Amino acid sequence: MRDAYGNFVSGASVVLTATMGTLGGSSVTTTNGVATTTFTSGSKTGTGQIAATVENVTVVGKVSLTAVKTK
């Protein structure tokens, strides 16, 4: 994440949501412009979405998931 002058932003609160799978955290804080969490796909196959919202601005990305059976 960058500010209006192109500088990386630290300390911004980012709210994350996912339509499939599980996020390691639903609210994270940026460090040097980056917000990090984990995503676990679970047992479903399909296309999900992960959304990140900062100050009423939302960006959505699509994720293709394929379930794999384990022994």
N, C-alpha and C. Protein backbone atom coordinates (compact mmCIF):
# COMPACT_ATOMS: atom_id res chain seq x y z
N MET A 1 0.83 -1.16 0.00
CA MET A 1 0.00 0.00 0.00
C MET A 1 0.89 1.23 0.00
N ARG A 2 0.50 2.21 -0.82
CA ARG A 2 1.26 3.47 -0.89
C ARG A 2 0.34 4.66 -0.63
N ASP A 3 0.92 5.74 -0.16
CA ASP A 3 0.14 6.95 0.05
C ASP A 3 0.09 7.76 -1.25
N ALA A 4 -0.49 8.94 -1.20
CA ALA A 4 -0.67 9.77 -2.39
C ALA A 4 0.65 10.21 -3.01
N TYR A 5 1.74 10.11 -2.24
CA TYR A 5 3.05 10.54 -2.72
C TYR A 5 3.93 9.36 -3.14
N GLY A 6 3.36 8.15 -3.12
CA GLY A 6 4.11 6.96 -3.53
C GLY A 6 4.92 6.30 -2.43
N ASN A 7 4.78 6.77 -1.20
CA ASN A 7 5.50 6.19 -0.07
C ASN A 7 4.77 4.98 0.47
N PHE A 8 5.51 3.94 0.87
CA PHE A 8 4.90 2.77 1.49
C PHE A 8 4.31 3.16 2.84
N VAL A 9 3.12 2.63 3.15
CA VAL A 9 2.41 2.97 4.38
C VAL A 9 2.55 1.84 5.39
N SER A 10 2.97 2.18 6.59
CA SER A 10 2.99 1.23 7.70
C SER A 10 1.92 1.64 8.70
N GLY A 11 1.28 0.64 9.32
CA GLY A 11 0.30 0.91 10.36
C GLY A 11 -1.13 1.05 9.88
N ALA A 12 -1.40 0.84 8.59
CA ALA A 12 -2.78 0.92 8.10
C ALA A 12 -3.51 -0.38 8.43
N SER A 13 -4.76 -0.27 8.85
CA SER A 13 -5.57 -1.44 9.16
C SER A 13 -6.23 -1.96 7.89
N VAL A 14 -6.08 -3.26 7.63
CA VAL A 14 -6.63 -3.90 6.45
C VAL A 14 -7.60 -4.99 6.92
N VAL A 15 -8.84 -4.96 6.43
CA VAL A 15 -9.83 -5.98 6.75
C VAL A 15 -9.89 -6.95 5.58
N LEU A 16 -9.73 -8.25 5.86
CA LEU A 16 -9.71 -9.28 4.83
C LEU A 16 -10.91 -10.20 4.96
N THR A 17 -11.47 -10.60 3.82
CA THR A 17 -12.56 -11.58 3.81
C THR A 17 -12.30 -12.57 2.68
N ALA A 18 -12.84 -13.78 2.82
CA ALA A 18 -12.70 -14.81 1.79
C ALA A 18 -14.03 -15.52 1.63
N THR A 19 -14.40 -15.84 0.37
CA THR A 19 -15.66 -16.55 0.13
C THR A 19 -15.48 -18.05 0.23
N MET A 20 -14.28 -18.55 0.10
CA MET A 20 -13.96 -19.98 0.28
C MET A 20 -12.68 -20.05 1.08
N GLY A 21 -12.52 -21.11 1.85
CA GLY A 21 -11.30 -21.27 2.62
C GLY A 21 -11.32 -20.44 3.88
N THR A 22 -10.15 -20.40 4.54
CA THR A 22 -10.02 -19.75 5.83
C THR A 22 -8.81 -18.85 5.83
N LEU A 23 -8.98 -17.64 6.31
CA LEU A 23 -7.87 -16.70 6.46
C LEU A 23 -7.29 -16.82 7.86
N GLY A 24 -5.97 -16.66 7.98
CA GLY A 24 -5.30 -16.72 9.26
C GLY A 24 -5.64 -15.53 10.14
N GLY A 25 -6.03 -14.43 9.54
CA GLY A 25 -6.44 -13.25 10.29
C GLY A 25 -7.37 -12.42 9.42
N SER A 26 -8.42 -11.88 10.01
CA SER A 26 -9.35 -11.09 9.22
C SER A 26 -9.06 -9.59 9.30
N SER A 27 -8.18 -9.21 10.20
CA SER A 27 -7.76 -7.82 10.32
C SER A 27 -6.26 -7.81 10.58
N VAL A 28 -5.53 -7.18 9.67
CA VAL A 28 -4.07 -7.12 9.79
C VAL A 28 -3.62 -5.68 9.59
N THR A 29 -2.38 -5.41 9.94
CA THR A 29 -1.81 -4.07 9.83
C THR A 29 -0.63 -4.11 8.86
N THR A 30 -0.53 -3.08 8.02
CA THR A 30 0.56 -3.05 7.04
C THR A 30 1.90 -2.73 7.69
N THR A 31 2.94 -3.31 7.10
CA THR A 31 4.32 -3.00 7.45
C THR A 31 5.03 -2.73 6.13
N ASN A 32 5.57 -1.53 5.99
CA ASN A 32 6.22 -1.12 4.74
C ASN A 32 5.32 -1.37 3.53
N GLY A 33 4.02 -1.10 3.67
CA GLY A 33 3.09 -1.21 2.56
C GLY A 33 2.51 -2.58 2.31
N VAL A 34 2.87 -3.57 3.14
CA VAL A 34 2.43 -4.95 2.90
C VAL A 34 1.59 -5.46 4.06
N ALA A 35 0.45 -6.08 3.73
CA ALA A 35 -0.39 -6.75 4.72
C ALA A 35 -0.27 -8.26 4.46
N THR A 36 0.00 -9.04 5.50
CA THR A 36 0.26 -10.47 5.33
C THR A 36 -0.63 -11.30 6.25
N THR A 37 -1.16 -12.39 5.71
CA THR A 37 -1.87 -13.39 6.49
C THR A 37 -1.71 -14.73 5.77
N THR A 38 -2.31 -15.78 6.29
CA THR A 38 -2.28 -17.08 5.61
C THR A 38 -3.68 -17.39 5.08
N PHE A 39 -3.73 -18.27 4.09
CA PHE A 39 -4.99 -18.71 3.52
C PHE A 39 -4.93 -20.22 3.40
N THR A 40 -5.94 -20.90 3.94
CA THR A 40 -6.05 -22.36 3.84
C THR A 40 -7.28 -22.67 3.01
N SER A 41 -7.09 -23.47 1.95
CA SER A 41 -8.18 -23.69 0.99
C SER A 41 -9.27 -24.61 1.49
N GLY A 42 -9.00 -25.51 2.38
CA GLY A 42 -10.02 -26.44 2.85
C GLY A 42 -10.25 -27.57 1.86
N SER A 43 -11.48 -28.11 1.82
CA SER A 43 -11.74 -29.31 1.03
C SER A 43 -12.64 -29.08 -0.18
N LYS A 44 -12.93 -27.85 -0.52
CA LYS A 44 -13.81 -27.55 -1.64
C LYS A 44 -13.02 -27.16 -2.89
N THR A 45 -13.58 -27.50 -4.05
CA THR A 45 -13.02 -27.09 -5.33
C THR A 45 -13.89 -25.99 -5.90
N GLY A 46 -13.28 -24.98 -6.47
CA GLY A 46 -14.05 -23.89 -7.07
C GLY A 46 -13.25 -22.62 -7.13
N THR A 47 -13.93 -21.54 -7.44
CA THR A 47 -13.30 -20.22 -7.50
C THR A 47 -13.82 -19.38 -6.35
N GLY A 48 -12.90 -18.89 -5.56
CA GLY A 48 -13.26 -18.05 -4.44
C GLY A 48 -12.73 -16.64 -4.63
N GLN A 49 -13.05 -15.78 -3.72
CA GLN A 49 -12.57 -14.41 -3.75
C GLN A 49 -11.97 -14.04 -2.40
N ILE A 50 -10.89 -13.28 -2.46
CA ILE A 50 -10.31 -12.70 -1.26
C ILE A 50 -10.37 -11.19 -1.45
N ALA A 51 -10.94 -10.50 -0.48
CA ALA A 51 -11.09 -9.06 -0.55
C ALA A 51 -10.28 -8.40 0.57
N ALA A 52 -9.65 -7.28 0.23
CA ALA A 52 -8.92 -6.48 1.21
C ALA A 52 -9.51 -5.07 1.18
N THR A 53 -9.87 -4.56 2.38
CA THR A 53 -10.48 -3.23 2.47
C THR A 53 -9.65 -2.35 3.39
N VAL A 54 -9.33 -1.15 2.87
CA VAL A 54 -8.61 -0.14 3.65
C VAL A 54 -9.33 1.19 3.45
N GLU A 55 -9.75 1.82 4.52
CA GLU A 55 -10.40 3.13 4.46
C GLU A 55 -11.49 3.18 3.39
N ASN A 56 -12.41 2.22 3.42
CA ASN A 56 -13.57 2.14 2.51
C ASN A 56 -13.21 1.90 1.05
N VAL A 57 -11.98 1.48 0.77
CA VAL A 57 -11.59 1.09 -0.59
C VAL A 57 -11.32 -0.41 -0.56
N THR A 58 -11.99 -1.16 -1.45
CA THR A 58 -11.87 -2.62 -1.47
C THR A 58 -11.28 -3.09 -2.78
N VAL A 59 -10.33 -4.02 -2.68
CA VAL A 59 -9.74 -4.69 -3.83
C VAL A 59 -10.05 -6.17 -3.69
N VAL A 60 -10.53 -6.80 -4.79
CA VAL A 60 -10.92 -8.20 -4.76
C VAL A 60 -10.07 -8.99 -5.75
N GLY A 61 -9.57 -10.13 -5.30
CA GLY A 61 -8.83 -11.05 -6.17
C GLY A 61 -9.50 -12.40 -6.19
N LYS A 62 -9.43 -13.08 -7.34
CA LYS A 62 -10.02 -14.41 -7.46
C LYS A 62 -8.95 -15.47 -7.21
N VAL A 63 -9.39 -16.57 -6.59
CA VAL A 63 -8.50 -17.69 -6.26
C VAL A 63 -9.15 -18.96 -6.76
N SER A 64 -8.42 -19.75 -7.58
CA SER A 64 -8.92 -21.05 -8.02
C SER A 64 -8.44 -22.12 -7.06
N LEU A 65 -9.38 -22.93 -6.55
CA LEU A 65 -9.06 -23.95 -5.56
C LEU A 65 -9.37 -25.33 -6.12
N THR A 66 -8.46 -26.27 -5.87
CA THR A 66 -8.65 -27.65 -6.27
C THR A 66 -8.43 -28.52 -5.06
N ALA A 67 -9.47 -29.27 -4.66
CA ALA A 67 -9.35 -30.17 -3.52
C ALA A 67 -8.56 -31.41 -3.92
N VAL A 68 -7.67 -31.83 -3.06
CA VAL A 68 -6.84 -33.00 -3.29
C VAL A 68 -7.02 -33.94 -2.11
N LYS A 69 -7.34 -35.20 -2.41
CA LYS A 69 -7.49 -36.18 -1.34
C LYS A 69 -6.13 -36.57 -0.82
N THR A 70 -6.05 -36.70 0.50
CA THR A 70 -4.82 -37.17 1.12
C THR A 70 -5.06 -38.57 1.66
N LYS A 71 -3.99 -39.31 1.81
CA LYS A 71 -4.12 -40.69 2.29
C LYS A 71 -4.37 -40.75 3.75
